[in-house]
Amino acid sequence: MFRPAAILSFALFLPLPSMAEPMREAGQTPPTPAEEQVKPAPEKPKQLLLISFDGAHDNALWTKSRDIARRAANAHFTYFLSCTTLIPRSASKGYQAPGQKAGRSNVGFAPTVEDVRTRLDNLWSAHLEGHEIASHACGHFDGKDWSKVDWLAEFATFRTTLTNAWKANGLADKEPEGWQNFADHGIRGFRAPYLSAPESLVEAEKAYGFAFDASLVTKGPALPQHDGAITRFGLPLIPEGPQGRRIIGMDYNLFVRHSAGLDNPSRSQEFEERTYSAFKAAFEAQYDGERIPVQFGFHFVEMNDGAYWRAMERLVTDVCQRPDVACVSYSEAMDILAKRQPPPRS
């Protein structure tokens, strides 16, 4: 038996449609609270990958690295140049590092003027292709005990050597237009040999006017530090190998771990796979996560029969083609990251 009074009483407690909301068409399902609150996820910034090379001496590897970058969606690399590679051995006595005898260099000198000429051509071509040339000092000495004055002297030697490189080698008529401006204003950053970065280095970099330093080591991929005067980047410690032990993301450190710093060509493929796996995992973790820039460092030496360069080439070929990845120089990364910062509060 139906009870109309009870039905009416229950209906009094049903919510009435809001007059402020438009009536829905018949058959439409009203939105749930969850649907009303859903907002599109913010678009992630591009993942930055920074590949750099220390020393930048071997001309064959200049050509090879530029070719790799060109094939990898025109990636841009940073070359930390040692300036003694622009000085022929016959003129080595003209260079003297702080606390060292004239003519000494831990990375030697160019064998001939012709070798310097080829390197200068490579360097200038790389610059025109959008790569960055930065400073790695000159003779690759460990400056952990150097004073600010010592560092400034080495910086000055680098600039003088770069500025006069064509003329000093009897190639003044070959010097490209724009070289002097490039030598005076185009070198924006520095990486210390052996990643040895005492406070005196930072003081000297600021006094000299460098925009960035890339000598730090960080626990993992990390945003660069900026104190208003200089931006400091760091190569990350990344998991590597069967036990996932952390190591600096740089070829030489892997070379020492894998084969005690002695070439072992018979295991080159194994070392390549380990390196590629470590690099790719570190990259993908950021790509899928916070998108903090990822940095890896190399030298102009193909250790363990090229294992580390092959791993690098595979990585940039794999990831630099992605539309939401940018393989950039340090200066480009600085500019991109600066634009991501929220505007200062008024």
C-alpha atoms as a PDB file:
ATOM      1  CA  MET A   1       0.000   0.000   0.000  1.00  0.00           C
ATOM      2  CA  PHE A   2       1.512   3.383  -1.027  1.00  0.00           C
ATOM      3  CA  ARG A   3       1.916   6.250   1.443  1.00  0.00           C
ATOM      4  CA  PRO A   4       1.744   9.587  -0.518  1.00  0.00           C
ATOM      5  CA  ALA A   5       2.391  11.638   2.604  1.00  0.00           C
ATOM      6  CA  ALA A   6       5.642   9.845   3.298  1.00  0.00           C
ATOM      7  CA  ILE A   7       6.808  10.362  -0.284  1.00  0.00           C
ATOM      8  CA  LEU A   8       6.072  14.086  -0.079  1.00  0.00           C
ATOM      9  CA  SER A   9       7.935  14.323   3.221  1.00  0.00           C
ATOM     10  CA  PHE A  10      11.028  12.666   1.680  1.00  0.00           C
ATOM     11  CA  ALA A  11      10.890  14.964  -1.333  1.00  0.00           C
ATOM     12  CA  LEU A  12      11.193  18.018   0.881  1.00  0.00           C
ATOM     13  CA  PHE A  13      14.788  17.013   1.595  1.00  0.00           C
ATOM     14  CA  LEU A  14      15.855  16.634  -2.080  1.00  0.00           C
ATOM     15  CA  PRO A  15      18.174  19.437  -3.313  1.00  0.00           C
ATOM     16  CA  LEU A  16      16.608  21.922  -5.674  1.00  0.00           C
ATOM     17  CA  PRO A  17      18.452  22.938  -8.880  1.00  0.00           C
ATOM     18  CA  SER A  18      20.325  26.217  -8.534  1.00  0.00           C
ATOM     19  CA  MET A  19      18.669  29.053 -10.406  1.00  0.00           C
ATOM     20  CA  ALA A  20      22.133  30.481 -11.038  1.00  0.00           C
ATOM     21  CA  GLU A  21      23.120  27.486 -13.168  1.00  0.00           C
ATOM     22  CA  PRO A  22      21.746  26.924 -16.682  1.00  0.00           C
ATOM     23  CA  MET A  23      19.295  24.074 -16.978  1.00  0.00           C
ATOM     24  CA  ARG A  24      20.805  20.959 -18.527  1.00  0.00           C
ATOM     25  CA  GLU A  25      19.217  19.417 -21.541  1.00  0.00           C
ATOM     26  CA  ALA A  26      17.142  16.346 -20.988  1.00  0.00           C
ATOM     27  CA  GLY A  27      19.269  13.241 -20.788  1.00  0.00           C
ATOM     28  CA  GLN A  28      22.494  15.014 -19.732  1.00  0.00           C
ATOM     29  CA  THR A  29      24.336  13.633 -16.715  1.00  0.00           C
ATOM     30  CA  PRO A  30      25.234  16.307 -14.162  1.00  0.00           C
ATOM     31  CA  PRO A  31      28.970  16.684 -13.540  1.00  0.00           C
ATOM     32  CA  THR A  32      30.469  15.020 -10.529  1.00  0.00           C
ATOM     33  CA  PRO A  33      32.533  17.129  -8.092  1.00  0.00           C
ATOM     34  CA  ALA A  34      35.657  15.315  -9.283  1.00  0.00           C
ATOM     35  CA  GLU A  35      34.937  16.233 -12.894  1.00  0.00           C
ATOM     36  CA  GLU A  36      34.369  19.866 -11.999  1.00  0.00           C
ATOM     37  CA  GLN A  37      37.748  20.054 -10.241  1.00  0.00           C
ATOM     38  CA  VAL A  38      39.834  18.367 -12.948  1.00  0.00           C
ATOM     39  CA  LYS A  39      42.260  20.800 -14.596  1.00  0.00           C
ATOM     40  CA  PRO A  40      44.675  20.056 -17.406  1.00  0.00           C
ATOM     41  CA  ALA A  41      48.117  19.144 -16.099  1.00  0.00           C
ATOM     42  CA  PRO A  42      50.679  21.905 -16.591  1.00  0.00           C
ATOM     43  CA  GLU A  43      52.879  21.349 -19.617  1.00  0.00           C
ATOM     44  CA  LYS A  44      56.312  20.052 -18.705  1.00  0.00           C
ATOM     45  CA  PRO A  45      59.328  22.083 -19.784  1.00  0.00           C
ATOM     46  CA  LYS A  46      61.732  20.605 -22.291  1.00  0.00           C
ATOM     47  CA  GLN A  47      64.245  18.151 -20.905  1.00  0.00           C
ATOM     48  CA  LEU A  48      67.733  19.601 -21.308  1.00  0.00           C
ATOM     49  CA  LEU A  49      70.752  17.418 -22.093  1.00  0.00           C
ATOM     50  CA  LEU A  50      74.236  18.955 -21.907  1.00  0.00           C
ATOM     51  CA  ILE A  51      77.130  17.089 -23.535  1.00  0.00           C
ATOM     52  CA  SER A  52      80.621  18.535 -23.099  1.00  0.00           C
ATOM     53  CA  PHE A  53      84.196  17.677 -23.998  1.00  0.00           C
ATOM     54  CA  ASP A  54      87.353  18.560 -22.051  1.00  0.00           C
ATOM     55  CA  GLY A  55      90.622  19.297 -23.830  1.00  0.00           C
ATOM     56  CA  ALA A  56      89.268  19.423 -27.382  1.00  0.00           C
ATOM     57  CA  HIS A  57      92.590  18.634 -29.082  1.00  0.00           C
ATOM     58  CA  ASP A  58      92.307  15.633 -31.462  1.00  0.00           C
ATOM     59  CA  ASN A  59      91.226  16.983 -34.861  1.00  0.00           C
ATOM     60  CA  ALA A  60      89.676  13.679 -35.911  1.00  0.00           C
ATOM     61  CA  LEU A  61      87.415  13.835 -32.853  1.00  0.00           C
ATOM     62  CA  TRP A  62      86.507  17.446 -33.587  1.00  0.00           C
ATOM     63  CA  THR A  63      85.142  16.251 -36.918  1.00  0.00           C
ATOM     64  CA  LYS A  64      83.510  13.174 -35.410  1.00  0.00           C
ATOM     65  CA  SER A  65      81.763  15.051 -32.601  1.00  0.00           C
ATOM     66  CA  ARG A  66      80.438  17.708 -34.964  1.00  0.00           C
ATOM     67  CA  ASP A  67      79.071  14.982 -37.245  1.00  0.00           C
ATOM     68  CA  ILE A  68      77.354  13.276 -34.298  1.00  0.00           C
ATOM     69  CA  ALA A  69      75.724  16.552 -33.280  1.00  0.00           C
ATOM     70  CA  ARG A  70      74.556  17.234 -36.826  1.00  0.00           C
ATOM     71  CA  ARG A  71      72.917  13.838 -37.131  1.00  0.00           C
ATOM     72  CA  ALA A  72      71.273  14.162 -33.707  1.00  0.00           C
ATOM     73  CA  ALA A  73      68.819  16.901 -34.700  1.00  0.00           C
ATOM     74  CA  ASN A  74      71.540  19.556 -34.679  1.00  0.00           C
ATOM     75  CA  ALA A  75      72.479  19.125 -31.042  1.00  0.00           C
ATOM     76  CA  HIS A  76      74.848  21.700 -29.586  1.00  0.00           C
ATOM     77  CA  PHE A  77      77.855  20.640 -27.503  1.00  0.00           C
ATOM     78  CA  THR A  78      80.245  22.568 -25.263  1.00  0.00           C
ATOM     79  CA  TYR A  79      83.981  22.238 -25.886  1.00  0.00           C
ATOM     80  CA  PHE A  80      86.227  23.137 -22.946  1.00  0.00           C
ATOM     81  CA  LEU A  81      89.419  24.007 -24.800  1.00  0.00           C
ATOM     82  CA  SER A  82      92.962  23.644 -23.401  1.00  0.00           C
ATOM     83  CA  CYS A  83      94.877  26.515 -24.934  1.00  0.00           C
ATOM     84  CA  THR A  84      98.236  24.722 -25.268  1.00  0.00           C
ATOM     85  CA  THR A  85      96.620  22.836 -28.167  1.00  0.00           C
ATOM     86  CA  LEU A  86      96.886  26.128 -30.082  1.00  0.00           C
ATOM     87  CA  ILE A  87     100.631  26.390 -29.399  1.00  0.00           C
ATOM     88  CA  PRO A  88     103.043  24.301 -31.509  1.00  0.00           C
ATOM     89  CA  ARG A  89     105.683  22.374 -29.619  1.00  0.00           C
ATOM     90  CA  SER A  90     108.365  24.554 -31.193  1.00  0.00           C
ATOM     91  CA  ALA A  91     106.901  27.576 -29.357  1.00  0.00           C
ATOM     92  CA  SER A  92     106.173  25.835 -26.048  1.00  0.00           C
ATOM     93  CA  LYS A  93     108.629  27.960 -24.044  1.00  0.00           C
ATOM     94  CA  GLY A  94     106.275  30.886 -24.549  1.00  0.00           C
ATOM     95  CA  TYR A  95     103.805  29.342 -22.102  1.00  0.00           C
ATOM     96  CA  GLN A  96     104.344  29.267 -18.341  1.00  0.00           C
ATOM     97  CA  ALA A  97     101.665  28.183 -15.898  1.00  0.00           C
ATOM     98  CA  PRO A  98     101.583  29.467 -12.308  1.00  0.00           C
ATOM     99  CA  GLY A  99     104.261  27.713 -10.252  1.00  0.00           C
ATOM    100  CA  GLN A 100     105.590  25.794 -13.264  1.00  0.00           C
ATOM    101  CA  LYS A 101     108.656  26.036 -15.477  1.00  0.00           C
ATOM    102  CA  ALA A 102     108.252  27.568 -18.911  1.00  0.00           C
ATOM    103  CA  GLY A 103     107.277  25.055 -21.577  1.00  0.00           C
ATOM    104  CA  ARG A 104     105.543  22.588 -19.251  1.00  0.00           C
ATOM    105  CA  SER A 105     102.050  21.240 -19.928  1.00  0.00           C
ATOM    106  CA  ASN A 106     100.204  18.193 -18.612  1.00  0.00           C
ATOM    107  CA  VAL A 107      98.460  17.803 -21.970  1.00  0.00           C
ATOM    108  CA  GLY A 108     101.391  18.646 -24.205  1.00  0.00           C
ATOM    109  CA  PHE A 109     101.344  21.028 -27.161  1.00  0.00           C
ATOM    110  CA  ALA A 110     100.311  20.832 -30.804  1.00  0.00           C
ATOM    111  CA  PRO A 111     102.817  18.789 -32.835  1.00  0.00           C
ATOM    112  CA  THR A 112     102.931  21.217 -35.777  1.00  0.00           C
ATOM    113  CA  VAL A 113     101.602  24.522 -37.050  1.00  0.00           C
ATOM    114  CA  GLU A 114      99.520  22.623 -39.592  1.00  0.00           C
ATOM    115  CA  ASP A 115      97.881  20.711 -36.750  1.00  0.00           C
ATOM    116  CA  VAL A 116      97.023  24.047 -35.093  1.00  0.00           C
ATOM    117  CA  ARG A 117      95.590  25.348 -38.359  1.00  0.00           C
ATOM    118  CA  THR A 118      93.267  22.353 -38.661  1.00  0.00           C
ATOM    119  CA  ARG A 119      92.172  22.746 -35.040  1.00  0.00           C
ATOM    120  CA  LEU A 120      91.449  26.439 -35.524  1.00  0.00           C
ATOM    121  CA  ASP A 121      89.335  25.616 -38.562  1.00  0.00           C
ATOM    122  CA  ASN A 122      87.419  23.000 -36.557  1.00  0.00           C
ATOM    123  CA  LEU A 123      86.971  25.350 -33.631  1.00  0.00           C
ATOM    124  CA  TRP A 124      85.641  28.180 -35.805  1.00  0.00           C
ATOM    125  CA  SER A 125      83.349  25.858 -37.756  1.00  0.00           C
ATOM    126  CA  ALA A 126      81.945  24.464 -34.498  1.00  0.00           C
ATOM    127  CA  HIS A 127      81.319  28.005 -33.274  1.00  0.00           C
ATOM    128  CA  LEU A 128      79.422  28.861 -36.469  1.00  0.00           C
ATOM    129  CA  GLU A 129      77.363  25.655 -36.101  1.00  0.00           C
ATOM    130  CA  GLY A 130      76.091  26.817 -32.709  1.00  0.00           C
ATOM    131  CA  HIS A 131      78.416  24.861 -30.445  1.00  0.00           C
ATOM    132  CA  GLU A 132      79.998  26.588 -27.490  1.00  0.00           C
ATOM    133  CA  ILE A 133      83.723  27.065 -26.953  1.00  0.00           C
ATOM    134  CA  ALA A 134      84.637  27.507 -23.296  1.00  0.00           C
ATOM    135  CA  SER A 135      87.871  27.539 -21.310  1.00  0.00           C
ATOM    136  CA  HIS A 136      89.645  24.584 -19.724  1.00  0.00           C
ATOM    137  CA  ALA A 137      92.677  26.730 -18.878  1.00  0.00           C
ATOM    138  CA  CYS A 138      95.883  25.973 -20.766  1.00  0.00           C
ATOM    139  CA  GLY A 139      98.301  23.356 -19.459  1.00  0.00           C
ATOM    140  CA  HIS A 140      95.781  21.264 -17.461  1.00  0.00           C
ATOM    141  CA  PHE A 141      97.437  21.716 -14.082  1.00  0.00           C
ATOM    142  CA  ASP A 142      95.662  21.028 -10.804  1.00  0.00           C
ATOM    143  CA  GLY A 143      94.934  24.483  -9.382  1.00  0.00           C
ATOM    144  CA  LYS A 144      93.728  23.362  -5.950  1.00  0.00           C
ATOM    145  CA  ASP A 145      96.480  25.424  -4.315  1.00  0.00           C
ATOM    146  CA  TRP A 146      96.399  28.344  -6.757  1.00  0.00           C
ATOM    147  CA  SER A 147      95.534  31.806  -5.556  1.00  0.00           C
ATOM    148  CA  LYS A 148      93.033  34.115  -7.203  1.00  0.00           C
ATOM    149  CA  VAL A 149      95.991  35.891  -8.847  1.00  0.00           C
ATOM    150  CA  ASP A 150      97.261  32.565 -10.240  1.00  0.00           C
ATOM    151  CA  TRP A 151      93.895  31.735 -11.766  1.00  0.00           C
ATOM    152  CA  LEU A 152      93.576  35.200 -13.272  1.00  0.00           C
ATOM    153  CA  ALA A 153      97.022  34.811 -14.847  1.00  0.00           C
ATOM    154  CA  GLU A 154      96.005  31.504 -16.450  1.00  0.00           C
ATOM    155  CA  PHE A 155      92.741  33.039 -17.697  1.00  0.00           C
ATOM    156  CA  ALA A 156      94.697  35.904 -19.261  1.00  0.00           C
ATOM    157  CA  THR A 157      97.069  33.452 -20.971  1.00  0.00           C
ATOM    158  CA  PHE A 158      94.103  31.568 -22.412  1.00  0.00           C
ATOM    159  CA  ARG A 159      92.577  34.747 -23.834  1.00  0.00           C
ATOM    160  CA  THR A 160      95.876  35.991 -25.279  1.00  0.00           C
ATOM    161  CA  THR A 161      96.593  32.609 -26.862  1.00  0.00           C
ATOM    162  CA  LEU A 162      93.129  32.420 -28.401  1.00  0.00           C
ATOM    163  CA  THR A 163      93.167  36.035 -29.590  1.00  0.00           C
ATOM    164  CA  ASN A 164      96.587  35.712 -31.276  1.00  0.00           C
ATOM    165  CA  ALA A 165      96.271  32.100 -32.421  1.00  0.00           C
ATOM    166  CA  TRP A 166      96.209  32.786 -36.161  1.00  0.00           C
ATOM    167  CA  LYS A 167      98.865  35.491 -36.165  1.00  0.00           C
ATOM    168  CA  ALA A 168     101.199  33.660 -33.763  1.00  0.00           C
ATOM    169  CA  ASN A 169     101.208  30.659 -36.086  1.00  0.00           C
ATOM    170  CA  GLY A 170     101.922  32.672 -39.214  1.00  0.00           C
ATOM    171  CA  LEU A 171      98.298  32.395 -40.372  1.00  0.00           C
ATOM    172  CA  ALA A 172      97.175  36.021 -40.045  1.00  0.00           C
ATOM    173  CA  ASP A 173      95.849  36.058 -43.601  1.00  0.00           C
ATOM    174  CA  LYS A 174      93.661  33.021 -42.801  1.00  0.00           C
ATOM    175  CA  GLU A 175      92.003  34.512 -39.710  1.00  0.00           C
ATOM    176  CA  PRO A 176      88.212  34.599 -40.222  1.00  0.00           C
ATOM    177  CA  GLU A 177      86.274  37.801 -39.865  1.00  0.00           C
ATOM    178  CA  GLY A 178      84.748  37.954 -36.402  1.00  0.00           C
ATOM    179  CA  TRP A 179      87.517  35.999 -34.686  1.00  0.00           C
ATOM    180  CA  GLN A 180      88.644  38.900 -32.499  1.00  0.00           C
ATOM    181  CA  ASN A 181      85.135  39.566 -31.244  1.00  0.00           C
ATOM    182  CA  PHE A 182      84.704  35.858 -30.553  1.00  0.00           C
ATOM    183  CA  ALA A 183      88.005  35.669 -28.628  1.00  0.00           C
ATOM    184  CA  ASP A 184      87.158  38.770 -26.590  1.00  0.00           C
ATOM    185  CA  HIS A 185      83.488  38.091 -25.833  1.00  0.00           C
ATOM    186  CA  GLY A 186      82.575  34.546 -26.885  1.00  0.00           C
ATOM    187  CA  ILE A 187      84.188  32.562 -24.056  1.00  0.00           C
ATOM    188  CA  ARG A 188      81.566  32.656 -21.326  1.00  0.00           C
ATOM    189  CA  GLY A 189      82.432  29.695 -19.130  1.00  0.00           C
ATOM    190  CA  PHE A 190      85.112  27.579 -17.509  1.00  0.00           C
ATOM    191  CA  ARG A 191      85.709  24.049 -16.267  1.00  0.00           C
ATOM    192  CA  ALA A 192      88.652  23.408 -13.978  1.00  0.00           C
ATOM    193  CA  PRO A 193      91.117  20.651 -14.850  1.00  0.00           C
ATOM    194  CA  TYR A 194      90.503  17.622 -12.608  1.00  0.00           C
ATOM    195  CA  LEU A 195      87.277  19.394 -11.527  1.00  0.00           C
ATOM    196  CA  SER A 196      89.468  21.011  -8.890  1.00  0.00           C
ATOM    197  CA  ALA A 197      87.578  24.123  -7.827  1.00  0.00           C
ATOM    198  CA  PRO A 198      88.862  25.919  -4.711  1.00  0.00           C
ATOM    199  CA  GLU A 199      87.218  29.122  -3.513  1.00  0.00           C
ATOM    200  CA  SER A 200      90.053  31.078  -5.136  1.00  0.00           C
ATOM    201  CA  LEU A 201      88.816  29.825  -8.521  1.00  0.00           C
ATOM    202  CA  VAL A 202      85.296  31.120  -7.944  1.00  0.00           C
ATOM    203  CA  GLU A 203      86.659  34.477  -6.827  1.00  0.00           C
ATOM    204  CA  ALA A 204      88.805  34.686  -9.954  1.00  0.00           C
ATOM    205  CA  GLU A 205      85.953  33.642 -12.255  1.00  0.00           C
ATOM    206  CA  LYS A 206      83.753  36.385 -10.875  1.00  0.00           C
ATOM    207  CA  ALA A 207      86.504  38.983 -11.156  1.00  0.00           C
ATOM    208  CA  TYR A 208      87.262  37.883 -14.712  1.00  0.00           C
ATOM    209  CA  GLY A 209      83.630  38.039 -15.757  1.00  0.00           C
ATOM    210  CA  PHE A 210      82.821  34.418 -16.555  1.00  0.00           C
ATOM    211  CA  ALA A 211      79.074  33.772 -16.736  1.00  0.00           C
ATOM    212  CA  PHE A 212      79.270  30.122 -15.683  1.00  0.00           C
ATOM    213  CA  ASP A 213      81.471  27.464 -14.159  1.00  0.00           C
ATOM    214  CA  ALA A 214      81.028  23.714 -14.820  1.00  0.00           C
ATOM    215  CA  SER A 215      83.468  22.275 -12.265  1.00  0.00           C
ATOM    216  CA  LEU A 216      81.087  21.021  -9.568  1.00  0.00           C
ATOM    217  CA  VAL A 217      80.026  17.444  -8.823  1.00  0.00           C
ATOM    218  CA  THR A 218      76.470  16.953  -7.523  1.00  0.00           C
ATOM    219  CA  LYS A 219      74.779  14.002  -5.797  1.00  0.00           C
ATOM    220  CA  GLY A 220      72.537  13.577  -8.827  1.00  0.00           C
ATOM    221  CA  PRO A 221      71.167  15.794 -11.599  1.00  0.00           C
ATOM    222  CA  ALA A 222      70.695  19.220 -10.012  1.00  0.00           C
ATOM    223  CA  LEU A 223      69.693  22.694 -11.062  1.00  0.00           C
ATOM    224  CA  PRO A 224      72.684  25.017 -11.363  1.00  0.00           C
ATOM    225  CA  GLN A 225      73.542  27.330  -8.480  1.00  0.00           C
ATOM    226  CA  HIS A 226      73.348  31.064  -9.103  1.00  0.00           C
ATOM    227  CA  ASP A 227      74.492  33.693  -6.643  1.00  0.00           C
ATOM    228  CA  GLY A 228      73.902  36.773  -8.765  1.00  0.00           C
ATOM    229  CA  ALA A 229      77.441  36.825 -10.150  1.00  0.00           C
ATOM    230  CA  ILE A 230      78.055  33.393 -11.669  1.00  0.00           C
ATOM    231  CA  THR A 231      76.055  30.243 -12.462  1.00  0.00           C
ATOM    232  CA  ARG A 232      77.655  26.985 -11.310  1.00  0.00           C
ATOM    233  CA  PHE A 233      76.819  23.666 -12.981  1.00  0.00           C
ATOM    234  CA  GLY A 234      77.778  20.212 -11.724  1.00  0.00           C
ATOM    235  CA  LEU A 235      78.324  16.827 -13.318  1.00  0.00           C
ATOM    236  CA  PRO A 236      76.040  14.368 -11.510  1.00  0.00           C
ATOM    237  CA  LEU A 237      76.779  11.185  -9.632  1.00  0.00           C
ATOM    238  CA  ILE A 238      74.695   8.480 -11.324  1.00  0.00           C
ATOM    239  CA  PRO A 239      74.064   4.770 -10.586  1.00  0.00           C
ATOM    240  CA  GLU A 240      76.162   2.473 -12.784  1.00  0.00           C
ATOM    241  CA  GLY A 241      76.953  -1.200 -13.104  1.00  0.00           C
ATOM    242  CA  PRO A 242      75.424  -4.349 -11.595  1.00  0.00           C
ATOM    243  CA  GLN A 243      75.425  -2.918  -8.061  1.00  0.00           C
ATOM    244  CA  GLY A 244      74.253   0.525  -9.133  1.00  0.00           C
ATOM    245  CA  ARG A 245      77.156   2.251  -7.403  1.00  0.00           C
ATOM    246  CA  ARG A 246      77.221   5.975  -8.081  1.00  0.00           C
ATOM    247  CA  ILE A 247      79.938   7.532 -10.210  1.00  0.00           C
ATOM    248  CA  ILE A 248      80.548  10.890 -11.859  1.00  0.00           C
ATOM    249  CA  GLY A 249      78.851  10.980 -15.261  1.00  0.00           C
ATOM    250  CA  MET A 250      82.124  11.357 -17.134  1.00  0.00           C
ATOM    251  CA  ASP A 251      84.027   8.998 -19.425  1.00  0.00           C
ATOM    252  CA  TYR A 252      87.348   9.067 -17.561  1.00  0.00           C
ATOM    253  CA  ASN A 253      85.764   8.060 -14.258  1.00  0.00           C
ATOM    254  CA  LEU A 254      84.019   5.153 -15.975  1.00  0.00           C
ATOM    255  CA  PHE A 255      87.302   4.200 -17.656  1.00  0.00           C
ATOM    256  CA  VAL A 256      89.009   3.943 -14.259  1.00  0.00           C
ATOM    257  CA  ARG A 257      86.165   1.932 -12.752  1.00  0.00           C
ATOM    258  CA  HIS A 258      85.805  -0.437 -15.691  1.00  0.00           C
ATOM    259  CA  SER A 259      89.433  -1.203 -16.449  1.00  0.00           C
ATOM    260  CA  ALA A 260      91.585   0.595 -13.851  1.00  0.00           C
ATOM    261  CA  GLY A 261      92.451   3.276 -16.418  1.00  0.00           C
ATOM    262  CA  LEU A 262      94.050   0.753 -18.800  1.00  0.00           C
ATOM    263  CA  ASP A 263      92.603   0.121 -22.238  1.00  0.00           C
ATOM    264  CA  ASN A 264      90.898  -3.249 -22.539  1.00  0.00           C
ATOM    265  CA  PRO A 265      89.504  -3.466 -26.102  1.00  0.00           C
ATOM    266  CA  SER A 266      88.269  -7.034 -25.584  1.00  0.00           C
ATOM    267  CA  ARG A 267      85.550  -5.751 -23.203  1.00  0.00           C
ATOM    268  CA  SER A 268      84.713  -2.585 -25.110  1.00  0.00           C
ATOM    269  CA  GLN A 269      81.192  -3.731 -26.008  1.00  0.00           C
ATOM    270  CA  GLU A 270      80.441  -4.617 -22.394  1.00  0.00           C
ATOM    271  CA  PHE A 271      81.658  -1.227 -21.177  1.00  0.00           C
ATOM    272  CA  GLU A 272      79.606   0.535 -23.840  1.00  0.00           C
ATOM    273  CA  GLU A 273      76.434  -1.253 -22.758  1.00  0.00           C
ATOM    274  CA  ARG A 274      77.026  -0.481 -19.100  1.00  0.00           C
ATOM    275  CA  THR A 275      77.660   3.168 -19.881  1.00  0.00           C
ATOM    276  CA  TYR A 276      74.716   3.569 -22.209  1.00  0.00           C
ATOM    277  CA  SER A 277      72.389   1.901 -19.687  1.00  0.00           C
ATOM    278  CA  ALA A 278      73.582   4.221 -16.917  1.00  0.00           C
ATOM    279  CA  PHE A 279      73.325   7.361 -19.051  1.00  0.00           C
ATOM    280  CA  LYS A 280      69.899   6.430 -20.442  1.00  0.00           C
ATOM    281  CA  ALA A 281      68.484   5.567 -17.010  1.00  0.00           C
ATOM    282  CA  ALA A 282      69.699   8.862 -15.544  1.00  0.00           C
ATOM    283  CA  PHE A 283      68.214  10.752 -18.470  1.00  0.00           C
ATOM    284  CA  GLU A 284      64.854   8.970 -18.456  1.00  0.00           C
ATOM    285  CA  ALA A 285      64.474   9.473 -14.691  1.00  0.00           C
ATOM    286  CA  GLN A 286      64.500  13.226 -15.246  1.00  0.00           C
ATOM    287  CA  TYR A 287      62.524  13.068 -18.491  1.00  0.00           C
ATOM    288  CA  ASP A 288      59.735  11.211 -16.660  1.00  0.00           C
ATOM    289  CA  GLY A 289      60.186  13.270 -13.495  1.00  0.00           C
ATOM    290  CA  GLU A 290      61.170  16.818 -12.628  1.00  0.00           C
ATOM    291  CA  ARG A 291      63.042  17.502 -15.878  1.00  0.00           C
ATOM    292  CA  ILE A 292      66.165  18.791 -14.196  1.00  0.00           C
ATOM    293  CA  PRO A 293      68.951  19.260 -16.795  1.00  0.00           C
ATOM    294  CA  VAL A 294      71.204  16.214 -17.261  1.00  0.00           C
ATOM    295  CA  GLN A 295      74.921  16.664 -17.939  1.00  0.00           C
ATOM    296  CA  PHE A 296      77.573  14.210 -19.118  1.00  0.00           C
ATOM    297  CA  GLY A 297      81.248  14.929 -19.719  1.00  0.00           C
ATOM    298  CA  PHE A 298      83.772  13.425 -22.138  1.00  0.00           C
ATOM    299  CA  HIS A 299      87.350  13.887 -23.311  1.00  0.00           C
ATOM    300  CA  PHE A 300      88.888  13.905 -26.761  1.00  0.00           C
ATOM    301  CA  VAL A 301      90.236  10.409 -26.147  1.00  0.00           C
ATOM    302  CA  GLU A 302      88.369   7.245 -27.136  1.00  0.00           C
ATOM    303  CA  MET A 303      89.071   5.170 -24.035  1.00  0.00           C
ATOM    304  CA  ASN A 304      88.433   1.416 -24.039  1.00  0.00           C
ATOM    305  CA  ASP A 305      88.303   1.370 -27.821  1.00  0.00           C
ATOM    306  CA  GLY A 306      85.661   4.085 -28.031  1.00  0.00           C
ATOM    307  CA  ALA A 307      83.142   2.537 -25.609  1.00  0.00           C
ATOM    308  CA  TYR A 308      82.154   5.846 -23.999  1.00  0.00           C
ATOM    309  CA  TRP A 309      81.879   7.845 -27.206  1.00  0.00           C
ATOM    310  CA  ARG A 310      79.689   5.119 -28.718  1.00  0.00           C
ATOM    311  CA  ALA A 311      77.434   5.237 -25.655  1.00  0.00           C
ATOM    312  CA  MET A 312      77.251   9.027 -25.962  1.00  0.00           C
ATOM    313  CA  GLU A 313      76.400   8.829 -29.659  1.00  0.00           C
ATOM    314  CA  ARG A 314      73.626   6.321 -28.991  1.00  0.00           C
ATOM    315  CA  LEU A 315      72.186   8.519 -26.262  1.00  0.00           C
ATOM    316  CA  VAL A 316      72.069  11.750 -28.262  1.00  0.00           C
ATOM    317  CA  THR A 317      70.768   9.892 -31.324  1.00  0.00           C
ATOM    318  CA  ASP A 318      68.004   8.345 -29.218  1.00  0.00           C
ATOM    319  CA  VAL A 319      66.829  11.385 -27.262  1.00  0.00           C
ATOM    320  CA  CYS A 320      67.773  14.604 -29.069  1.00  0.00           C
ATOM    321  CA  GLN A 321      65.192  13.873 -31.778  1.00  0.00           C
ATOM    322  CA  ARG A 322      62.321  14.115 -29.283  1.00  0.00           C
ATOM    323  CA  PRO A 323      60.298  17.328 -29.616  1.00  0.00           C
ATOM    324  CA  ASP A 324      60.331  17.885 -25.854  1.00  0.00           C
ATOM    325  CA  VAL A 325      64.111  17.461 -25.490  1.00  0.00           C
ATOM    326  CA  ALA A 326      66.764  20.115 -26.154  1.00  0.00           C
ATOM    327  CA  CYS A 327      70.417  19.095 -26.458  1.00  0.00           C
ATOM    328  CA  VAL A 328      72.115  22.383 -25.738  1.00  0.00           C
ATOM    329  CA  SER A 329      75.314  24.132 -24.711  1.00  0.00           C
ATOM    330  CA  TYR A 330      75.848  25.519 -21.232  1.00  0.00           C
ATOM    331  CA  SER A 331      75.122  29.085 -22.320  1.00  0.00           C
ATOM    332  CA  GLU A 332      71.928  27.977 -24.056  1.00  0.00           C
ATOM    333  CA  ALA A 333      70.881  26.093 -20.926  1.00  0.00           C
ATOM    334  CA  MET A 334      71.464  29.222 -18.839  1.00  0.00           C
ATOM    335  CA  ASP A 335      69.228  31.274 -21.115  1.00  0.00           C
ATOM    336  CA  ILE A 336      66.479  28.626 -21.165  1.00  0.00           C
ATOM    337  CA  LEU A 337      66.513  28.173 -17.391  1.00  0.00           C
ATOM    338  CA  ALA A 338      66.442  31.938 -16.811  1.00  0.00           C
ATOM    339  CA  LYS A 339      63.191  32.173 -18.798  1.00  0.00           C
ATOM    340  CA  ARG A 340      61.635  29.431 -16.653  1.00  0.00           C
ATOM    341  CA  GLN A 341      62.133  31.369 -13.438  1.00  0.00           C
ATOM    342  CA  PRO A 342      59.000  33.101 -12.094  1.00  0.00           C
ATOM    343  CA  PRO A 343      59.061  36.913 -12.411  1.00  0.00           C
ATOM    344  CA  PRO A 344      60.331  38.712  -9.293  1.00  0.00           C
ATOM    345  CA  ARG A 345      57.652  39.928  -6.904  1.00  0.00           C
ATOM    346  CA  SER A 346      57.023  43.674  -6.968  1.00  0.00           C
END
